[in-house]
Amino acid sequence: LRLSCAASGRAFSAYAMGWFRQAPGKEREFVAAI
């Protein structure tokens, strides 16, 4: 699968981005960042 994250508002290029995931009954966990 390919997930997309569309950004709006302030300049996207000024921000680092991360992906996190959370399963039922579990804590939110880090997946990847750029």
PDB file of all heavy atoms in Angstrom:
ATOM      1  N   LEU A   1       0.847  -1.185   0.000  1.00  0.00           N
ATOM      2  CA  LEU A   1       0.000   0.000   0.000  1.00  0.00           C
ATOM      3  C   LEU A   1       0.884   1.236   0.000  1.00  0.00           C
ATOM      4  O   LEU A   1       2.016   1.195   0.492  1.00  0.00           O
ATOM      5  CB  LEU A   1      -0.896   0.062   1.237  1.00  0.00           C
ATOM      6  CG  LEU A   1      -2.118  -0.846   1.323  1.00  0.00           C
ATOM      7  CD1 LEU A   1      -2.730  -0.718   2.714  1.00  0.00           C
ATOM      8  CD2 LEU A   1      -3.138  -0.485   0.255  1.00  0.00           C
ATOM      9  N   ARG A   2       0.364   2.322  -0.520  1.00  0.00           N
ATOM     10  CA  ARG A   2       1.021   3.610  -0.397  1.00  0.00           C
ATOM     11  C   ARG A   2       0.083   4.582   0.290  1.00  0.00           C
ATOM     12  O   ARG A   2      -1.000   4.873  -0.220  1.00  0.00           O
ATOM     13  CB  ARG A   2       1.443   4.177  -1.751  1.00  0.00           C
ATOM     14  CG  ARG A   2       2.303   5.445  -1.594  1.00  0.00           C
ATOM     15  CD  ARG A   2       2.731   6.050  -2.912  1.00  0.00           C
ATOM     16  NE  ARG A   2       1.631   6.701  -3.599  1.00  0.00           N
ATOM     17  CZ  ARG A   2       1.771   7.532  -4.622  1.00  0.00           C
ATOM     18  NH1 ARG A   2       2.990   7.806  -5.093  1.00  0.00           N
ATOM     19  NH2 ARG A   2       0.711   8.070  -5.204  1.00  0.00           N
ATOM     20  N   LEU A   3       0.493   5.072   1.441  1.00  0.00           N
ATOM     21  CA  LEU A   3      -0.264   6.073   2.156  1.00  0.00           C
ATOM     22  C   LEU A   3       0.206   7.461   1.740  1.00  0.00           C
ATOM     23  O   LEU A   3       1.389   7.676   1.496  1.00  0.00           O
ATOM     24  CB  LEU A   3      -0.090   5.915   3.666  1.00  0.00           C
ATOM     25  CG  LEU A   3      -0.400   4.535   4.256  1.00  0.00           C
ATOM     26  CD1 LEU A   3      -0.261   4.577   5.777  1.00  0.00           C
ATOM     27  CD2 LEU A   3      -1.788   4.066   3.848  1.00  0.00           C
ATOM     28  N   SER A   4      -0.727   8.389   1.684  1.00  0.00           N
ATOM     29  CA  SER A   4      -0.404   9.764   1.341  1.00  0.00           C
ATOM     30  C   SER A   4      -0.786  10.691   2.479  1.00  0.00           C
ATOM     31  O   SER A   4      -1.731  10.426   3.218  1.00  0.00           O
ATOM     32  CB  SER A   4      -1.146  10.194   0.067  1.00  0.00           C
ATOM     33  OG  SER A   4      -0.733   9.431  -1.043  1.00  0.00           O
ATOM     34  N   CYS A   5      -0.059  11.774   2.604  1.00  0.00           N
ATOM     35  CA  CYS A   5      -0.329  12.799   3.606  1.00  0.00           C
ATOM     36  C   CYS A   5      -0.307  14.148   2.906  1.00  0.00           C
ATOM     37  O   CYS A   5       0.761  14.666   2.574  1.00  0.00           O
ATOM     38  CB  CYS A   5       0.722  12.737   4.716  1.00  0.00           C
ATOM     39  SG  CYS A   5       0.551  14.004   5.987  1.00  0.00           S
ATOM     40  N   ALA A   6      -1.481  14.688   2.669  1.00  0.00           N
ATOM     41  CA  ALA A   6      -1.601  15.970   1.990  1.00  0.00           C
ATOM     42  C   ALA A   6      -1.583  17.096   3.013  1.00  0.00           C
ATOM     43  O   ALA A   6      -2.344  17.082   3.978  1.00  0.00           O
ATOM     44  CB  ALA A   6      -2.885  16.014   1.173  1.00  0.00           C
ATOM     45  N   ALA A   7      -0.716  18.070   2.796  1.00  0.00           N
ATOM     46  CA  ALA A   7      -0.545  19.179   3.727  1.00  0.00           C
ATOM     47  C   ALA A   7      -1.051  20.481   3.137  1.00  0.00           C
ATOM     48  O   ALA A   7      -0.930  20.727   1.933  1.00  0.00           O
ATOM     49  CB  ALA A   7       0.922  19.329   4.112  1.00  0.00           C
ATOM     50  N   SER A   8      -1.597  21.309   3.989  1.00  0.00           N
ATOM     51  CA  SER A   8      -2.014  22.643   3.589  1.00  0.00           C
ATOM     52  C   SER A   8      -1.734  23.608   4.726  1.00  0.00           C
ATOM     53  O   SER A   8      -1.484  23.202   5.856  1.00  0.00           O
ATOM     54  CB  SER A   8      -3.495  22.673   3.211  1.00  0.00           C
ATOM     55  OG  SER A   8      -4.309  22.317   4.311  1.00  0.00           O
ATOM     56  N   GLY A   9      -1.774  24.892   4.430  1.00  0.00           N
ATOM     57  CA  GLY A   9      -1.466  25.895   5.432  1.00  0.00           C
ATOM     58  C   GLY A   9      -0.090  26.494   5.192  1.00  0.00           C
ATOM     59  O   GLY A   9       0.182  26.990   4.103  1.00  0.00           O
ATOM     60  N   ARG A  10       0.776  26.427   6.194  1.00  0.00           N
ATOM     61  CA  ARG A  10       2.126  26.959   6.063  1.00  0.00           C
ATOM     62  C   ARG A  10       2.958  26.114   5.111  1.00  0.00           C
ATOM     63  O   ARG A  10       2.617  24.979   4.806  1.00  0.00           O
ATOM     64  CB  ARG A  10       2.793  27.050   7.429  1.00  0.00           C
ATOM     65  CG  ARG A  10       2.088  27.976   8.394  1.00  0.00           C
ATOM     66  CD  ARG A  10       2.846  28.118   9.699  1.00  0.00           C
ATOM     67  NE  ARG A  10       2.110  28.926  10.653  1.00  0.00           N
ATOM     68  CZ  ARG A  10       2.141  30.244  10.701  1.00  0.00           C
ATOM     69  NH1 ARG A  10       2.889  30.928   9.840  1.00  0.00           N
ATOM     70  NH2 ARG A  10       1.430  30.892  11.614  1.00  0.00           N
ATOM     71  N   ALA A  11       4.071  26.656   4.683  1.00  0.00           N
ATOM     72  CA  ALA A  11       4.933  25.987   3.718  1.00  0.00           C
ATOM     73  C   ALA A  11       5.347  24.605   4.212  1.00  0.00           C
ATOM     74  O   ALA A  11       5.973  24.462   5.255  1.00  0.00           O
ATOM     75  CB  ALA A  11       6.159  26.841   3.440  1.00  0.00           C
ATOM     76  N   PHE A  12       4.994  23.589   3.436  1.00  0.00           N
ATOM     77  CA  PHE A  12       5.295  22.213   3.793  1.00  0.00           C
ATOM     78  C   PHE A  12       6.788  21.969   3.904  1.00  0.00           C
ATOM     79  O   PHE A  12       7.244  21.165   4.720  1.00  0.00           O
ATOM     80  CB  PHE A  12       4.665  21.286   2.751  1.00  0.00           C
ATOM     81  CG  PHE A  12       4.822  19.820   3.035  1.00  0.00           C
ATOM     82  CD1 PHE A  12       4.389  19.269   4.229  1.00  0.00           C
ATOM     83  CD2 PHE A  12       5.395  18.983   2.091  1.00  0.00           C
ATOM     84  CE1 PHE A  12       4.524  17.918   4.486  1.00  0.00           C
ATOM     85  CE2 PHE A  12       5.530  17.627   2.328  1.00  0.00           C
ATOM     86  CZ  PHE A  12       5.092  17.099   3.535  1.00  0.00           C
ATOM     87  N   SER A  13       7.568  22.655   3.103  1.00  0.00           N
ATOM     88  CA  SER A  13       9.007  22.457   3.071  1.00  0.00           C
ATOM     89  C   SER A  13       9.703  22.854   4.370  1.00  0.00           C
ATOM     90  O   SER A  13      10.866  22.504   4.580  1.00  0.00           O
ATOM     91  CB  SER A  13       9.628  23.224   1.902  1.00  0.00           C
ATOM     92  OG  SER A  13       9.400  24.615   2.031  1.00  0.00           O
ATOM     93  N   ALA A  14       9.023  23.570   5.244  1.00  0.00           N
ATOM     94  CA  ALA A  14       9.600  23.992   6.516  1.00  0.00           C
ATOM     95  C   ALA A  14       9.407  22.959   7.627  1.00  0.00           C
ATOM     96  O   ALA A  14       9.888  23.160   8.739  1.00  0.00           O
ATOM     97  CB  ALA A  14       9.005  25.326   6.950  1.00  0.00           C
ATOM     98  N   TYR A  15       8.727  21.860   7.333  1.00  0.00           N
ATOM     99  CA  TYR A  15       8.355  20.893   8.354  1.00  0.00           C
ATOM    100  C   TYR A  15       8.908  19.503   8.086  1.00  0.00           C
ATOM    101  O   TYR A  15       8.885  19.013   6.958  1.00  0.00           O
ATOM    102  CB  TYR A  15       6.834  20.802   8.463  1.00  0.00           C
ATOM    103  CG  TYR A  15       6.195  22.070   8.954  1.00  0.00           C
ATOM    104  CD1 TYR A  15       5.888  23.098   8.073  1.00  0.00           C
ATOM    105  CD2 TYR A  15       5.916  22.241  10.305  1.00  0.00           C
ATOM    106  CE1 TYR A  15       5.315  24.277   8.528  1.00  0.00           C
ATOM    107  CE2 TYR A  15       5.341  23.410  10.766  1.00  0.00           C
ATOM    108  CZ  TYR A  15       5.043  24.425   9.876  1.00  0.00           C
ATOM    109  OH  TYR A  15       4.474  25.588  10.339  1.00  0.00           O
ATOM    110  N   ALA A  16       9.400  18.883   9.149  1.00  0.00           N
ATOM    111  CA  ALA A  16       9.682  17.457   9.107  1.00  0.00           C
ATOM    112  C   ALA A  16       8.356  16.703   9.225  1.00  0.00           C
ATOM    113  O   ALA A  16       7.386  17.216   9.778  1.00  0.00           O
ATOM    114  CB  ALA A  16      10.613  17.059  10.245  1.00  0.00           C
ATOM    115  N   MET A  17       8.322  15.494   8.719  1.00  0.00           N
ATOM    116  CA  MET A  17       7.100  14.702   8.727  1.00  0.00           C
ATOM    117  C   MET A  17       7.362  13.326   9.314  1.00  0.00           C
ATOM    118  O   MET A  17       8.404  12.725   9.056  1.00  0.00           O
ATOM    119  CB  MET A  17       6.552  14.561   7.309  1.00  0.00           C
ATOM    120  CG  MET A  17       5.232  13.821   7.220  1.00  0.00           C
ATOM    121  SD  MET A  17       4.757  13.521   5.488  1.00  0.00           S
ATOM    122  CE  MET A  17       5.985  12.291   5.039  1.00  0.00           C
ATOM    123  N   GLY A  18       6.410  12.831  10.083  1.00  0.00           N
ATOM    124  CA  GLY A  18       6.524  11.497  10.642  1.00  0.00           C
ATOM    125  C   GLY A  18       5.263  10.688  10.419  1.00  0.00           C
ATOM    126  O   GLY A  18       4.174  11.242  10.232  1.00  0.00           O
ATOM    127  N   TRP A  19       5.424   9.372  10.411  1.00  0.00           N
ATOM    128  CA  TRP A  19       4.302   8.449  10.388  1.00  0.00           C
ATOM    129  C   TRP A  19       4.312   7.643  11.680  1.00  0.00           C
ATOM    130  O   TRP A  19       5.358   7.120  12.087  1.00  0.00           O
ATOM    131  CB  TRP A  19       4.366   7.494   9.197  1.00  0.00           C
ATOM    132  CG  TRP A  19       4.045   8.135   7.879  1.00  0.00           C
ATOM    133  CD1 TRP A  19       4.916   8.650   6.978  1.00  0.00           C
ATOM    134  CD2 TRP A  19       2.741   8.299   7.317  1.00  0.00           C
ATOM    135  NE1 TRP A  19       4.249   9.136   5.886  1.00  0.00           N
ATOM    136  CE2 TRP A  19       2.900   8.930   6.070  1.00  0.00           C
ATOM    137  CE3 TRP A  19       1.446   7.975   7.735  1.00  0.00           C
ATOM    138  CZ2 TRP A  19       1.823   9.251   5.235  1.00  0.00           C
ATOM    139  CZ3 TRP A  19       0.385   8.295   6.912  1.00  0.00           C
ATOM    140  CH2 TRP A  19       0.576   8.922   5.691  1.00  0.00           C
ATOM    141  N   PHE A  20       3.158   7.545  12.304  1.00  0.00           N
ATOM    142  CA  PHE A  20       2.972   6.772  13.523  1.00  0.00           C
ATOM    143  C   PHE A  20       1.764   5.869  13.335  1.00  0.00           C
ATOM    144  O   PHE A  20       0.920   6.119  12.494  1.00  0.00           O
ATOM    145  CB  PHE A  20       2.764   7.695  14.728  1.00  0.00           C
ATOM    146  CG  PHE A  20       3.940   8.586  15.025  1.00  0.00           C
ATOM    147  CD1 PHE A  20       4.142   9.756  14.307  1.00  0.00           C
ATOM    148  CD2 PHE A  20       4.847   8.245  16.016  1.00  0.00           C
ATOM    149  CE1 PHE A  20       5.229  10.573  14.572  1.00  0.00           C
ATOM    150  CE2 PHE A  20       5.936   9.057  16.287  1.00  0.00           C
ATOM    151  CZ  PHE A  20       6.126  10.220  15.561  1.00  0.00           C
ATOM    152  N   ARG A  21       1.679   4.830  14.143  1.00  0.00           N
ATOM    153  CA  ARG A  21       0.526   3.944  14.046  1.00  0.00           C
ATOM    154  C   ARG A  21       0.080   3.508  15.434  1.00  0.00           C
ATOM    155  O   ARG A  21       0.866   3.454  16.372  1.00  0.00           O
ATOM    156  CB  ARG A  21       0.829   2.724  13.176  1.00  0.00           C
ATOM    157  CG  ARG A  21       1.889   1.789  13.746  1.00  0.00           C
ATOM    158  CD  ARG A  21       2.263   0.723  12.715  1.00  0.00           C
ATOM    159  NE  ARG A  21       3.209  -0.237  13.247  1.00  0.00           N
ATOM    160  CZ  ARG A  21       3.804  -1.174  12.523  1.00  0.00           C
ATOM    161  NH1 ARG A  21       3.543  -1.286  11.211  1.00  0.00           N
ATOM    162  NH2 ARG A  21       4.660  -2.019  13.095  1.00  0.00           N
ATOM    163  N   GLN A  22      -1.198   3.186  15.535  1.00  0.00           N
ATOM    164  CA  GLN A  22      -1.758   2.758  16.801  1.00  0.00           C
ATOM    165  C   GLN A  22      -2.807   1.683  16.563  1.00  0.00           C
ATOM    166  O   GLN A  22      -3.769   1.892  15.838  1.00  0.00           O
ATOM    167  CB  GLN A  22      -2.370   3.935  17.553  1.00  0.00           C
ATOM    168  CG  GLN A  22      -2.806   3.607  18.964  1.00  0.00           C
ATOM    169  CD  GLN A  22      -3.085   4.854  19.775  1.00  0.00           C
ATOM    170  OE1 GLN A  22      -3.341   5.919  19.230  1.00  0.00           O
ATOM    171  NE2 GLN A  22      -3.032   4.720  21.089  1.00  0.00           N
ATOM    172  N   ALA A  23      -2.597   0.538  17.181  1.00  0.00           N
ATOM    173  CA  ALA A  23      -3.550  -0.559  17.125  1.00  0.00           C
ATOM    174  C   ALA A  23      -4.423  -0.529  18.371  1.00  0.00           C
ATOM    175  O   ALA A  23      -4.014   0.009  19.404  1.00  0.00           O
ATOM    176  CB  ALA A  23      -2.811  -1.896  17.028  1.00  0.00           C
ATOM    177  N   PRO A  24      -5.621  -1.101  18.305  1.00  0.00           N
ATOM    178  CA  PRO A  24      -6.501  -1.120  19.489  1.00  0.00           C
ATOM    179  C   PRO A  24      -5.810  -1.738  20.696  1.00  0.00           C
ATOM    180  O   PRO A  24      -5.207  -2.805  20.597  1.00  0.00           O
ATOM    181  CB  PRO A  24      -7.675  -1.978  19.022  1.00  0.00           C
ATOM    182  CG  PRO A  24      -7.704  -1.787  17.543  1.00  0.00           C
ATOM    183  CD  PRO A  24      -6.259  -1.712  17.140  1.00  0.00           C
ATOM    184  N   GLY A  25      -5.872  -1.045  21.826  1.00  0.00           N
ATOM    185  CA  GLY A  25      -5.263  -1.541  23.049  1.00  0.00           C
ATOM    186  C   GLY A  25      -3.765  -1.345  23.129  1.00  0.00           C
ATOM    187  O   GLY A  25      -3.146  -1.755  24.119  1.00  0.00           O
ATOM    188  N   LYS A  26      -3.161  -0.736  22.124  1.00  0.00           N
ATOM    189  CA  LYS A  26      -1.721  -0.514  22.093  1.00  0.00           C
ATOM    190  C   LYS A  26      -1.400   0.976  22.112  1.00  0.00           C
ATOM    191  O   LYS A  26      -2.230   1.815  21.757  1.00  0.00           O
ATOM    192  CB  LYS A  26      -1.101  -1.149  20.851  1.00  0.00           C
ATOM    193  CG  LYS A  26      -1.348  -2.641  20.701  1.00  0.00           C
ATOM    194  CD  LYS A  26      -0.628  -3.431  21.778  1.00  0.00           C
ATOM    195  CE  LYS A  26      -0.841  -4.930  21.588  1.00  0.00           C
ATOM    196  NZ  LYS A  26      -0.226  -5.414  20.326  1.00  0.00           N
ATOM    197  N   GLU A  27      -0.175   1.298  22.516  1.00  0.00           N
ATOM    198  CA  GLU A  27       0.273   2.683  22.495  1.00  0.00           C
ATOM    199  C   GLU A  27       0.672   3.084  21.081  1.00  0.00           C
ATOM    200  O   GLU A  27       1.038   2.245  20.258  1.00  0.00           O
ATOM    201  CB  GLU A  27       1.454   2.881  23.450  1.00  0.00           C
ATOM    202  CG  GLU A  27       1.108   2.688  24.911  1.00  0.00           C
ATOM    203  CD  GLU A  27       2.262   3.014  25.827  1.00  0.00           C
ATOM    204  OE1 GLU A  27       3.371   3.302  25.325  1.00  0.00           O
ATOM    205  OE2 GLU A  27       2.060   2.992  27.049  1.00  0.00           O
ATOM    206  N   ARG A  28       0.603   4.365  20.823  1.00  0.00           N
ATOM    207  CA  ARG A  28       1.030   4.868  19.534  1.00  0.00           C
ATOM    208  C   ARG A  28       2.528   4.638  19.362  1.00  0.00           C
ATOM    209  O   ARG A  28       3.318   4.927  20.260  1.00  0.00           O
ATOM    210  CB  ARG A  28       0.705   6.352  19.421  1.00  0.00           C
ATOM    211  CG  ARG A  28       0.961   6.950  18.051  1.00  0.00           C
ATOM    212  CD  ARG A  28       0.393   8.358  17.963  1.00  0.00           C
ATOM    213  NE  ARG A  28      -1.046   8.363  18.187  1.00  0.00           N
ATOM    214  CZ  ARG A  28      -1.799   9.447  18.096  1.00  0.00           C
ATOM    215  NH1 ARG A  28      -1.261  10.611  17.778  1.00  0.00           N
ATOM    216  NH2 ARG A  28      -3.107   9.357  18.328  1.00  0.00           N
ATOM    217  N   GLU A  29       2.932   4.122  18.210  1.00  0.00           N
ATOM    218  CA  GLU A  29       4.329   3.828  17.984  1.00  0.00           C
ATOM    219  C   GLU A  29       4.861   4.498  16.721  1.00  0.00           C
ATOM    220  O   GLU A  29       4.142   4.711  15.750  1.00  0.00           O
ATOM    221  CB  GLU A  29       4.576   2.318  17.911  1.00  0.00           C
ATOM    222  CG  GLU A  29       3.952   1.629  16.714  1.00  0.00           C
ATOM    223  CD  GLU A  29       4.365   0.171  16.591  1.00  0.00           C
ATOM    224  OE1 GLU A  29       5.388  -0.222  17.189  1.00  0.00           O
ATOM    225  OE2 GLU A  29       3.661  -0.579  15.890  1.00  0.00           O
ATOM    226  N   PHE A  30       6.135   4.786  16.763  1.00  0.00           N
ATOM    227  CA  PHE A  30       6.834   5.401  15.647  1.00  0.00           C
ATOM    228  C   PHE A  30       6.990   4.420  14.500  1.00  0.00           C
ATOM    229  O   PHE A  30       7.287   3.240  14.704  1.00  0.00           O
ATOM    230  CB  PHE A  30       8.209   5.873  16.132  1.00  0.00           C
ATOM    231  CG  PHE A  30       9.131   6.305  15.033  1.00  0.00           C
ATOM    232  CD1 PHE A  30       8.929   7.497  14.360  1.00  0.00           C
ATOM    233  CD2 PHE A  30      10.219   5.523  14.683  1.00  0.00           C
ATOM    234  CE1 PHE A  30       9.789   7.908  13.356  1.00  0.00           C
ATOM    235  CE2 PHE A  30      11.086   5.923  13.683  1.00  0.00           C
ATOM    236  CZ  PHE A  30      10.867   7.120  13.025  1.00  0.00           C
ATOM    237  N   VAL A  31       6.802   4.907  13.285  1.00  0.00           N
ATOM    238  CA  VAL A  31       6.993   4.099  12.093  1.00  0.00           C
ATOM    239  C   VAL A  31       8.158   4.619  11.254  1.00  0.00           C
ATOM    240  O   VAL A  31       9.111   3.899  10.965  1.00  0.00           O
ATOM    241  CB  VAL A  31       5.720   4.053  11.228  1.00  0.00           C
ATOM    242  CG1 VAL A  31       5.974   3.279   9.936  1.00  0.00           C
ATOM    243  CG2 VAL A  31       4.570   3.437  12.007  1.00  0.00           C
ATOM    244  N   ALA A  32       8.091   5.882  10.861  1.00  0.00           N
ATOM    245  CA  ALA A  32       9.127   6.472  10.021  1.00  0.00           C
ATOM    246  C   ALA A  32       9.037   7.983  10.086  1.00  0.00           C
ATOM    247  O   ALA A  32       7.995   8.539  10.419  1.00  0.00           O
ATOM    248  CB  ALA A  32       8.981   6.001   8.567  1.00  0.00           C
ATOM    249  N   ALA A  33      10.131   8.656   9.753  1.00  0.00           N
ATOM    250  CA  ALA A  33      10.142  10.111   9.721  1.00  0.00           C
ATOM    251  C   ALA A  33      11.108  10.594   8.658  1.00  0.00           C
ATOM    252  O   ALA A  33      12.045   9.883   8.273  1.00  0.00           O
ATOM    253  CB  ALA A  33      10.521  10.686  11.087  1.00  0.00           C
ATOM    254  N   ILE A  34      10.881  11.811   8.199  1.00  0.00           N
ATOM    255  CA  ILE A  34      11.718  12.398   7.165  1.00  0.00           C
ATOM    256  C   ILE A  34      11.897  13.878   7.455  1.00  0.00           C
ATOM    257  O   ILE A  34      10.967  14.563   7.886  1.00  0.00           O
ATOM    258  CB  ILE A  34      11.097  12.162   5.769  1.00  0.00           C
ATOM    259  CG1 ILE A  34      12.041  12.605   4.654  1.00  0.00           C
ATOM    260  CG2 ILE A  34       9.739  12.848   5.646  1.00  0.00           C
ATOM    261  CD1 ILE A  34      11.618  12.100   3.282  1.00  0.00           C
TER     262      ILE A  34
END
